[in-house]
Amino acid sequence: WPGGLGKTSNHAIVLAQLYTQGTCHGLHAFIVPIRSMST
């Protein structure tokens, strides 16, 4: 459903469950490159 995700965006702020040192710390926001900046 995110708007602009289908064809427009090259990055997304992704909400995901954070796991570190074997523990889940719940939802956090991550900047994820999804498309090449050149192509």
PDB file of all heavy atoms in Angstrom:
ATOM      1  N   TRP A   1       0.775  -1.247   0.000  1.00  0.00           N
ATOM      2  CA  TRP A   1       0.000   0.000   0.000  1.00  0.00           C
ATOM      3  C   TRP A   1       0.806   1.297   0.000  1.00  0.00           C
ATOM      4  O   TRP A   1       0.242   2.347  -0.365  1.00  0.00           O
ATOM      5  CB  TRP A   1      -1.003   0.084   1.165  1.00  0.00           C
ATOM      6  CG  TRP A   1      -2.273  -0.691   0.922  1.00  0.00           C
ATOM      7  CD1 TRP A   1      -2.690  -1.788   1.604  1.00  0.00           C
ATOM      8  CD2 TRP A   1      -3.292  -0.418  -0.058  1.00  0.00           C
ATOM      9  NE1 TRP A   1      -3.901  -2.230   1.113  1.00  0.00           N
ATOM     10  CE2 TRP A   1      -4.294  -1.403   0.095  1.00  0.00           C
ATOM     11  CE3 TRP A   1      -3.454   0.548  -1.046  1.00  0.00           C
ATOM     12  CZ2 TRP A   1      -5.433  -1.447  -0.703  1.00  0.00           C
ATOM     13  CZ3 TRP A   1      -4.592   0.512  -1.840  1.00  0.00           C
ATOM     14  CH2 TRP A   1      -5.567  -0.482  -1.667  1.00  0.00           C
ATOM     15  N   PRO A   2       2.076   1.336   0.419  1.00  0.00           N
ATOM     16  CA  PRO A   2       2.725   2.651   0.470  1.00  0.00           C
ATOM     17  C   PRO A   2       2.658   3.390  -0.868  1.00  0.00           C
ATOM     18  O   PRO A   2       2.998   2.831  -1.916  1.00  0.00           O
ATOM     19  CB  PRO A   2       4.183   2.311   0.830  1.00  0.00           C
ATOM     20  CG  PRO A   2       4.078   1.036   1.591  1.00  0.00           C
ATOM     21  CD  PRO A   2       2.974   0.271   0.918  1.00  0.00           C
ATOM     22  N   GLY A   3       2.219   4.648  -0.829  1.00  0.00           N
ATOM     23  CA  GLY A   3       2.153   5.456  -2.034  1.00  0.00           C
ATOM     24  C   GLY A   3       3.545   5.812  -2.531  1.00  0.00           C
ATOM     25  O   GLY A   3       4.454   6.076  -1.744  1.00  0.00           O
ATOM     26  N   GLY A   4       3.719   5.807  -3.850  1.00  0.00           N
ATOM     27  CA  GLY A   4       5.014   6.124  -4.434  1.00  0.00           C
ATOM     28  C   GLY A   4       5.996   4.979  -4.427  1.00  0.00           C
ATOM     29  O   GLY A   4       7.098   5.092  -4.967  1.00  0.00           O
ATOM     30  N   LEU A   5       5.620   3.858  -3.827  1.00  0.00           N
ATOM     31  CA  LEU A   5       6.530   2.711  -3.744  1.00  0.00           C
ATOM     32  C   LEU A   5       6.594   1.952  -5.064  1.00  0.00           C
ATOM     33  O   LEU A   5       7.644   1.455  -5.454  1.00  0.00           O
ATOM     34  CB  LEU A   5       6.072   1.771  -2.615  1.00  0.00           C
ATOM     35  CG  LEU A   5       6.850   0.469  -2.420  1.00  0.00           C
ATOM     36  CD1 LEU A   5       8.310   0.745  -2.071  1.00  0.00           C
ATOM     37  CD2 LEU A   5       6.209  -0.374  -1.309  1.00  0.00           C
ATOM     38  N   GLY A   6       5.473   1.867  -5.771  1.00  0.00           N
ATOM     39  CA  GLY A   6       5.385   0.998  -6.950  1.00  0.00           C
ATOM     40  C   GLY A   6       6.392   1.319  -8.032  1.00  0.00           C
ATOM     41  O   GLY A   6       7.062   0.431  -8.562  1.00  0.00           O
ATOM     42  N   LYS A   7       6.537   2.605  -8.377  1.00  0.00           N
ATOM     43  CA  LYS A   7       7.403   2.989  -9.491  1.00  0.00           C
ATOM     44  C   LYS A   7       8.256   4.226  -9.220  1.00  0.00           C
ATOM     45  O   LYS A   7       9.232   4.458  -9.913  1.00  0.00           O
ATOM     46  CB  LYS A   7       6.548   3.264 -10.747  1.00  0.00           C
ATOM     47  CG  LYS A   7       5.845   2.049 -11.317  1.00  0.00           C
ATOM     48  CD  LYS A   7       6.845   1.044 -11.864  1.00  0.00           C
ATOM     49  CE  LYS A   7       6.183  -0.229 -12.359  1.00  0.00           C
ATOM     50  NZ  LYS A   7       7.170  -1.244 -12.790  1.00  0.00           N
ATOM     51  N   THR A   8       7.883   5.034  -8.220  1.00  0.00           N
ATOM     52  CA  THR A   8       8.472   6.368  -8.087  1.00  0.00           C
ATOM     53  C   THR A   8       9.708   6.408  -7.200  1.00  0.00           C
ATOM     54  O   THR A   8      10.710   7.031  -7.560  1.00  0.00           O
ATOM     55  CB  THR A   8       7.417   7.353  -7.525  1.00  0.00           C
ATOM     56  OG1 THR A   8       6.235   7.289  -8.326  1.00  0.00           O
ATOM     57  CG2 THR A   8       7.943   8.761  -7.522  1.00  0.00           C
ATOM     58  N   SER A   9       9.667   5.753  -6.037  1.00  0.00           N
ATOM     59  CA  SER A   9      10.687   5.956  -5.000  1.00  0.00           C
ATOM     60  C   SER A   9      11.943   5.134  -5.239  1.00  0.00           C
ATOM     61  O   SER A   9      11.898   4.047  -5.822  1.00  0.00           O
ATOM     62  CB  SER A   9      10.109   5.594  -3.624  1.00  0.00           C
ATOM     63  OG  SER A   9       8.988   6.395  -3.342  1.00  0.00           O
ATOM     64  N   ASN A  10      13.072   5.662  -4.731  1.00  0.00           N
ATOM     65  CA  ASN A  10      14.307   4.868  -4.728  1.00  0.00           C
ATOM     66  C   ASN A  10      14.765   4.520  -3.308  1.00  0.00           C
ATOM     67  O   ASN A  10      15.736   3.797  -3.128  1.00  0.00           O
ATOM     68  CB  ASN A  10      15.428   5.571  -5.499  1.00  0.00           C
ATOM     69  CG  ASN A  10      15.714   6.977  -5.016  1.00  0.00           C
ATOM     70  OD1 ASN A  10      15.535   7.297  -3.837  1.00  0.00           O
ATOM     71  ND2 ASN A  10      16.149   7.850  -5.927  1.00  0.00           N
ATOM     72  N   HIS A  11      14.086   5.058  -2.302  1.00  0.00           N
ATOM     73  CA  HIS A  11      14.341   4.720  -0.904  1.00  0.00           C
ATOM     74  C   HIS A  11      13.012   4.550  -0.182  1.00  0.00           C
ATOM     75  O   HIS A  11      11.992   5.092  -0.631  1.00  0.00           O
ATOM     76  CB  HIS A  11      15.147   5.819  -0.194  1.00  0.00           C
ATOM     77  CG  HIS A  11      16.615   5.805  -0.487  1.00  0.00           C
ATOM     78  ND1 HIS A  11      17.118   6.099  -1.744  1.00  0.00           N
ATOM     79  CD2 HIS A  11      17.700   5.542   0.306  1.00  0.00           C
ATOM     80  CE1 HIS A  11      18.445   6.007  -1.706  1.00  0.00           C
ATOM     81  NE2 HIS A  11      18.815   5.672  -0.476  1.00  0.00           N
ATOM     82  N   ALA A  12      13.052   3.830   0.917  1.00  0.00           N
ATOM     83  CA  ALA A  12      11.861   3.704   1.759  1.00  0.00           C
ATOM     84  C   ALA A  12      12.279   3.726   3.219  1.00  0.00           C
ATOM     85  O   ALA A  12      13.314   3.146   3.588  1.00  0.00           O
ATOM     86  CB  ALA A  12      11.111   2.409   1.453  1.00  0.00           C
ATOM     87  N   ILE A  13      11.505   4.431   4.036  1.00  0.00           N
ATOM     88  CA  ILE A  13      11.626   4.255   5.483  1.00  0.00           C
ATOM     89  C   ILE A  13      10.760   3.050   5.820  1.00  0.00           C
ATOM     90  O   ILE A  13       9.541   3.069   5.624  1.00  0.00           O
ATOM     91  CB  ILE A  13      11.164   5.503   6.247  1.00  0.00           C
ATOM     92  CG1 ILE A  13      12.197   6.620   6.060  1.00  0.00           C
ATOM     93  CG2 ILE A  13      10.986   5.192   7.729  1.00  0.00           C
ATOM     94  CD1 ILE A  13      11.819   7.934   6.692  1.00  0.00           C
ATOM     95  N   VAL A  14      11.409   1.986   6.276  1.00  0.00           N
ATOM     96  CA  VAL A  14      10.737   0.706   6.517  1.00  0.00           C
ATOM     97  C   VAL A  14      10.597   0.497   8.018  1.00  0.00           C
ATOM     98  O   VAL A  14      11.588   0.584   8.764  1.00  0.00           O
ATOM     99  CB  VAL A  14      11.533  -0.457   5.894  1.00  0.00           C
ATOM    100  CG1 VAL A  14      10.905  -1.799   6.260  1.00  0.00           C
ATOM    101  CG2 VAL A  14      11.595  -0.300   4.374  1.00  0.00           C
ATOM    102  N   LEU A  15       9.378   0.237   8.471  1.00  0.00           N
ATOM    103  CA  LEU A  15       9.169  -0.148   9.860  1.00  0.00           C
ATOM    104  C   LEU A  15       9.331  -1.653   9.981  1.00  0.00           C
ATOM    105  O   LEU A  15       8.682  -2.414   9.260  1.00  0.00           O
ATOM    106  CB  LEU A  15       7.785   0.295  10.351  1.00  0.00           C
ATOM    107  CG  LEU A  15       7.814   1.571  11.204  1.00  0.00           C
ATOM    108  CD1 LEU A  15       8.214   2.755  10.340  1.00  0.00           C
ATOM    109  CD2 LEU A  15       6.490   1.822  11.877  1.00  0.00           C
ATOM    110  N   ALA A  16      10.218  -2.074  10.885  1.00  0.00           N
ATOM    111  CA  ALA A  16      10.528  -3.496  11.020  1.00  0.00           C
ATOM    112  C   ALA A  16      10.806  -3.825  12.481  1.00  0.00           C
ATOM    113  O   ALA A  16      11.155  -2.950  13.287  1.00  0.00           O
ATOM    114  CB  ALA A  16      11.745  -3.854  10.164  1.00  0.00           C
ATOM    115  N   GLN A  17      10.640  -5.100  12.806  1.00  0.00           N
ATOM    116  CA  GLN A  17      10.953  -5.592  14.152  1.00  0.00           C
ATOM    117  C   GLN A  17      12.471  -5.695  14.291  1.00  0.00           C
ATOM    118  O   GLN A  17      13.122  -6.392  13.528  1.00  0.00           O
ATOM    119  CB  GLN A  17      10.314  -6.967  14.378  1.00  0.00           C
ATOM    120  CG  GLN A  17       8.810  -7.016  14.185  1.00  0.00           C
ATOM    121  CD  GLN A  17       8.038  -6.358  15.314  1.00  0.00           C
ATOM    122  OE1 GLN A  17       8.623  -5.919  16.306  1.00  0.00           O
ATOM    123  NE2 GLN A  17       6.715  -6.300  15.173  1.00  0.00           N
ATOM    124  N   LEU A  18      13.015  -4.982  15.283  1.00  0.00           N
ATOM    125  CA  LEU A  18      14.463  -4.946  15.481  1.00  0.00           C
ATOM    126  C   LEU A  18      14.916  -6.132  16.333  1.00  0.00           C
ATOM    127  O   LEU A  18      14.443  -6.320  17.454  1.00  0.00           O
ATOM    128  CB  LEU A  18      14.858  -3.634  16.161  1.00  0.00           C
ATOM    129  CG  LEU A  18      16.267  -3.563  16.753  1.00  0.00           C
ATOM    130  CD1 LEU A  18      17.314  -3.688  15.649  1.00  0.00           C
ATOM    131  CD2 LEU A  18      16.463  -2.261  17.534  1.00  0.00           C
ATOM    132  N   TYR A  19      15.836  -6.912  15.795  1.00  0.00           N
ATOM    133  CA  TYR A  19      16.466  -8.002  16.539  1.00  0.00           C
ATOM    134  C   TYR A  19      17.955  -7.692  16.705  1.00  0.00           C
ATOM    135  O   TYR A  19      18.662  -7.429  15.724  1.00  0.00           O
ATOM    136  CB  TYR A  19      16.316  -9.334  15.792  1.00  0.00           C
ATOM    137  CG  TYR A  19      14.927  -9.925  15.854  1.00  0.00           C
ATOM    138  CD1 TYR A  19      13.951  -9.523  14.944  1.00  0.00           C
ATOM    139  CD2 TYR A  19      14.594 -10.871  16.812  1.00  0.00           C
ATOM    140  CE1 TYR A  19      12.666 -10.059  14.991  1.00  0.00           C
ATOM    141  CE2 TYR A  19      13.318 -11.415  16.872  1.00  0.00           C
ATOM    142  CZ  TYR A  19      12.359 -11.005  15.951  1.00  0.00           C
ATOM    143  OH  TYR A  19      11.089 -11.540  16.012  1.00  0.00           O
ATOM    144  N   THR A  20      18.424  -7.714  17.948  1.00  0.00           N
ATOM    145  CA  THR A  20      19.850  -7.568  18.202  1.00  0.00           C
ATOM    146  C   THR A  20      20.211  -8.352  19.456  1.00  0.00           C
ATOM    147  O   THR A  20      19.433  -8.386  20.423  1.00  0.00           O
ATOM    148  CB  THR A  20      20.252  -6.084  18.347  1.00  0.00           C
ATOM    149  OG1 THR A  20      21.666  -6.013  18.572  1.00  0.00           O
ATOM    150  CG2 THR A  20      19.524  -5.386  19.472  1.00  0.00           C
ATOM    151  N   GLN A  21      21.336  -9.004  19.411  1.00  0.00           N
ATOM    152  CA  GLN A  21      21.819  -9.847  20.512  1.00  0.00           C
ATOM    153  C   GLN A  21      20.746 -10.857  20.943  1.00  0.00           C
ATOM    154  O   GLN A  21      20.550 -11.130  22.127  1.00  0.00           O
ATOM    155  CB  GLN A  21      22.249  -8.972  21.702  1.00  0.00           C
ATOM    156  CG  GLN A  21      23.440  -8.079  21.376  1.00  0.00           C
ATOM    157  CD  GLN A  21      23.880  -7.214  22.537  1.00  0.00           C
ATOM    158  OE1 GLN A  21      23.105  -6.942  23.455  1.00  0.00           O
ATOM    159  NE2 GLN A  21      25.138  -6.766  22.503  1.00  0.00           N
ATOM    160  N   GLY A  22      20.040 -11.386  19.958  1.00  0.00           N
ATOM    161  CA  GLY A  22      19.056 -12.443  20.195  1.00  0.00           C
ATOM    162  C   GLY A  22      17.740 -11.982  20.779  1.00  0.00           C
ATOM    163  O   GLY A  22      16.879 -12.807  21.117  1.00  0.00           O
ATOM    164  N   THR A  23      17.527 -10.667  20.890  1.00  0.00           N
ATOM    165  CA  THR A  23      16.303 -10.141  21.495  1.00  0.00           C
ATOM    166  C   THR A  23      15.557  -9.259  20.501  1.00  0.00           C
ATOM    167  O   THR A  23      16.179  -8.479  19.771  1.00  0.00           O
ATOM    168  CB  THR A  23      16.631  -9.319  22.759  1.00  0.00           C
ATOM    169  OG1 THR A  23      17.333 -10.157  23.679  1.00  0.00           O
ATOM    170  CG2 THR A  23      15.360  -8.803  23.420  1.00  0.00           C
ATOM    171  N   CYS A  24      14.222  -9.371  20.491  1.00  0.00           N
ATOM    172  CA  CYS A  24      13.391  -8.486  19.676  1.00  0.00           C
ATOM    173  C   CYS A  24      13.026  -7.254  20.506  1.00  0.00           C
ATOM    174  O   CYS A  24      12.482  -7.377  21.606  1.00  0.00           O
ATOM    175  CB  CYS A  24      12.129  -9.196  19.206  1.00  0.00           C
ATOM    176  SG  CYS A  24      11.040  -8.131  18.217  1.00  0.00           S
ATOM    177  N   HIS A  25      13.287  -6.082  19.967  1.00  0.00           N
ATOM    178  CA  HIS A  25      13.009  -4.829  20.674  1.00  0.00           C
ATOM    179  C   HIS A  25      11.853  -4.061  20.041  1.00  0.00           C
ATOM    180  O   HIS A  25      11.692  -2.859  20.293  1.00  0.00           O
ATOM    181  CB  HIS A  25      14.266  -3.957  20.714  1.00  0.00           C
ATOM    182  CG  HIS A  25      15.377  -4.552  21.525  1.00  0.00           C
ATOM    183  ND1 HIS A  25      15.382  -4.537  22.903  1.00  0.00           N
ATOM    184  CD2 HIS A  25      16.501  -5.214  21.138  1.00  0.00           C
ATOM    185  CE1 HIS A  25      16.475  -5.144  23.340  1.00  0.00           C
ATOM    186  NE2 HIS A  25      17.172  -5.569  22.298  1.00  0.00           N
ATOM    187  N   GLY A  26      11.060  -4.726  19.244  1.00  0.00           N
ATOM    188  CA  GLY A  26       9.878  -4.080  18.682  1.00  0.00           C
ATOM    189  C   GLY A  26      10.172  -3.257  17.444  1.00  0.00           C
ATOM    190  O   GLY A  26      11.265  -3.328  16.855  1.00  0.00           O
ATOM    191  N   LEU A  27       9.197  -2.464  17.055  1.00  0.00           N
ATOM    192  CA  LEU A  27       9.280  -1.738  15.792  1.00  0.00           C
ATOM    193  C   LEU A  27      10.233  -0.561  15.848  1.00  0.00           C
ATOM    194  O   LEU A  27      10.225   0.220  16.801  1.00  0.00           O
ATOM    195  CB  LEU A  27       7.896  -1.218  15.396  1.00  0.00           C
ATOM    196  CG  LEU A  27       6.935  -2.261  14.820  1.00  0.00           C
ATOM    197  CD1 LEU A  27       5.605  -1.600  14.525  1.00  0.00           C
ATOM    198  CD2 LEU A  27       7.500  -2.891  13.570  1.00  0.00           C
ATOM    199  N   HIS A  28      11.032  -0.436  14.797  1.00  0.00           N
ATOM    200  CA  HIS A  28      11.915   0.703  14.610  1.00  0.00           C
ATOM    201  C   HIS A  28      11.940   1.049  13.127  1.00  0.00           C
ATOM    202  O   HIS A  28      11.545   0.237  12.282  1.00  0.00           O
ATOM    203  CB  HIS A  28      13.323   0.398  15.129  1.00  0.00           C
ATOM    204  CG  HIS A  28      13.387   0.281  16.618  1.00  0.00           C
ATOM    205  ND1 HIS A  28      12.867  -0.807  17.292  1.00  0.00           N
ATOM    206  CD2 HIS A  28      13.868   1.124  17.574  1.00  0.00           C
ATOM    207  CE1 HIS A  28      13.038  -0.634  18.595  1.00  0.00           C
ATOM    208  NE2 HIS A  28      13.647   0.521  18.793  1.00  0.00           N
ATOM    209  N   ALA A  29      12.405   2.252  12.829  1.00  0.00           N
ATOM    210  CA  ALA A  29      12.399   2.742  11.451  1.00  0.00           C
ATOM    211  C   ALA A  29      13.801   2.656  10.850  1.00  0.00           C
ATOM    212  O   ALA A  29      14.793   3.030  11.497  1.00  0.00           O
ATOM    213  CB  ALA A  29      11.892   4.178  11.414  1.00  0.00           C
ATOM    214  N   PHE A  30      13.852   2.187   9.597  1.00  0.00           N
ATOM    215  CA  PHE A  30      15.123   1.989   8.891  1.00  0.00           C
ATOM    216  C   PHE A  30      15.026   2.605   7.494  1.00  0.00           C
ATOM    217  O   PHE A  30      13.994   2.497   6.838  1.00  0.00           O
ATOM    218  CB  PHE A  30      15.449   0.500   8.765  1.00  0.00           C
ATOM    219  CG  PHE A  30      15.547  -0.213  10.091  1.00  0.00           C
ATOM    220  CD1 PHE A  30      14.403  -0.698  10.720  1.00  0.00           C
ATOM    221  CD2 PHE A  30      16.778  -0.378  10.706  1.00  0.00           C
ATOM    222  CE1 PHE A  30      14.485  -1.340  11.946  1.00  0.00           C
ATOM    223  CE2 PHE A  30      16.865  -1.026  11.936  1.00  0.00           C
ATOM    224  CZ  PHE A  30      15.720  -1.504  12.555  1.00  0.00           C
ATOM    225  N   ILE A  31      16.120   3.224   7.068  1.00  0.00           N
ATOM    226  CA  ILE A  31      16.179   3.782   5.710  1.00  0.00           C
ATOM    227  C   ILE A  31      16.757   2.715   4.789  1.00  0.00           C
ATOM    228  O   ILE A  31      17.913   2.301   4.949  1.00  0.00           O
ATOM    229  CB  ILE A  31      17.053   5.044   5.669  1.00  0.00           C
ATOM    230  CG1 ILE A  31      16.537   6.074   6.672  1.00  0.00           C
ATOM    231  CG2 ILE A  31      17.075   5.637   4.264  1.00  0.00           C
ATOM    232  CD1 ILE A  31      17.480   7.249   6.878  1.00  0.00           C
ATOM    233  N   VAL A  32      15.946   2.269   3.839  1.00  0.00           N
ATOM    234  CA  VAL A  32      16.346   1.167   2.964  1.00  0.00           C
ATOM    235  C   VAL A  32      16.382   1.635   1.508  1.00  0.00           C
ATOM    236  O   VAL A  32      15.351   2.032   0.954  1.00  0.00           O
ATOM    237  CB  VAL A  32      15.370  -0.026   3.083  1.00  0.00           C
ATOM    238  CG1 VAL A  32      15.822  -1.177   2.185  1.00  0.00           C
ATOM    239  CG2 VAL A  32      15.269  -0.487   4.538  1.00  0.00           C
ATOM    240  N   PRO A  33      17.569   1.611   0.861  1.00  0.00           N
ATOM    241  CA  PRO A  33      17.605   1.868  -0.588  1.00  0.00           C
ATOM    242  C   PRO A  33      16.899   0.722  -1.313  1.00  0.00           C
ATOM    243  O   PRO A  33      17.140  -0.454  -1.012  1.00  0.00           O
ATOM    244  CB  PRO A  33      19.102   1.878  -0.912  1.00  0.00           C
ATOM    245  CG  PRO A  33      19.802   2.026   0.408  1.00  0.00           C
ATOM    246  CD  PRO A  33      18.913   1.384   1.419  1.00  0.00           C
ATOM    247  N   ILE A  34      16.009   1.053  -2.245  1.00  0.00           N
ATOM    248  CA  ILE A  34      15.266  -0.007  -2.943  1.00  0.00           C
ATOM    249  C   ILE A  34      15.522  -0.021  -4.447  1.00  0.00           C
ATOM    250  O   ILE A  34      15.297  -1.041  -5.103  1.00  0.00           O
ATOM    251  CB  ILE A  34      13.754   0.090  -2.675  1.00  0.00           C
ATOM    252  CG1 ILE A  34      13.207   1.456  -3.100  1.00  0.00           C
ATOM    253  CG2 ILE A  34      13.450  -0.180  -1.202  1.00  0.00           C
ATOM    254  CD1 ILE A  34      11.688   1.568  -2.996  1.00  0.00           C
ATOM    255  N   ARG A  35      15.988   1.085  -4.993  1.00  0.00           N
ATOM    256  CA  ARG A  35      16.278   1.153  -6.432  1.00  0.00           C
ATOM    257  C   ARG A  35      17.617   1.845  -6.649  1.00  0.00           C
ATOM    258  O   ARG A  35      18.040   2.686  -5.862  1.00  0.00           O
ATOM    259  CB  ARG A  35      15.176   1.911  -7.186  1.00  0.00           C
ATOM    260  CG  ARG A  35      13.872   1.148  -7.327  1.00  0.00           C
ATOM    261  CD  ARG A  35      12.876   1.934  -8.201  1.00  0.00           C
ATOM    262  NE  ARG A  35      11.691   1.130  -8.529  1.00  0.00           N
ATOM    263  CZ  ARG A  35      10.566   1.135  -7.828  1.00  0.00           C
ATOM    264  NH1 ARG A  35      10.472   1.907  -6.753  1.00  0.00           N
ATOM    265  NH2 ARG A  35       9.555   0.384  -8.195  1.00  0.00           N
ATOM    266  N   SER A  36      18.252   1.505  -7.748  1.00  0.00           N
ATOM    267  CA  SER A  36      19.523   2.119  -8.113  1.00  0.00           C
ATOM    268  C   SER A  36      19.337   3.615  -8.328  1.00  0.00           C
ATOM    269  O   SER A  36      18.369   4.040  -8.968  1.00  0.00           O
ATOM    270  CB  SER A  36      20.063   1.479  -9.397  1.00  0.00           C
ATOM    271  OG  SER A  36      21.077   2.282  -9.963  1.00  0.00           O
ATOM    272  N   MET A  37      20.259   4.412  -7.805  1.00  0.00           N
ATOM    273  CA  MET A  37      20.181   5.865  -7.971  1.00  0.00           C
ATOM    274  C   MET A  37      20.492   6.274  -9.413  1.00  0.00           C
ATOM    275  O   MET A  37      20.143   7.376  -9.829  1.00  0.00           O
ATOM    276  CB  MET A  37      21.160   6.553  -7.022  1.00  0.00           C
ATOM    277  CG  MET A  37      20.901   6.281  -5.552  1.00  0.00           C
ATOM    278  SD  MET A  37      19.585   7.286  -4.877  1.00  0.00           S
ATOM    279  CE  MET A  37      20.475   8.791  -4.509  1.00  0.00           C
ATOM    280  N   SER A  38      21.131   5.387 -10.179  1.00  0.00           N
ATOM    281  CA  SER A  38      21.500   5.740 -11.560  1.00  0.00           C
ATOM    282  C   SER A  38      20.536   5.159 -12.588  1.00  0.00           C
ATOM    283  O   SER A  38      20.161   5.838 -13.545  1.00  0.00           O
ATOM    284  CB  SER A  38      22.929   5.255 -11.866  1.00  0.00           C
ATOM    285  OG  SER A  38      23.041   3.862 -11.632  1.00  0.00           O
ATOM    286  N   THR A  39      20.086   3.917 -12.381  1.00  0.00           N
ATOM    287  CA  THR A  39      19.209   3.275 -13.379  1.00  0.00           C
ATOM    288  C   THR A  39      17.760   3.170 -12.927  1.00  0.00           C
ATOM    289  O   THR A  39      16.872   2.908 -13.730  1.00  0.00           O
ATOM    290  CB  THR A  39      19.709   1.855 -13.689  1.00  0.00           C
ATOM    291  OG1 THR A  39      19.550   1.032 -12.508  1.00  0.00           O
ATOM    292  CG2 THR A  39      21.171   1.869 -14.111  1.00  0.00           C
TER     293      THR A  39
END
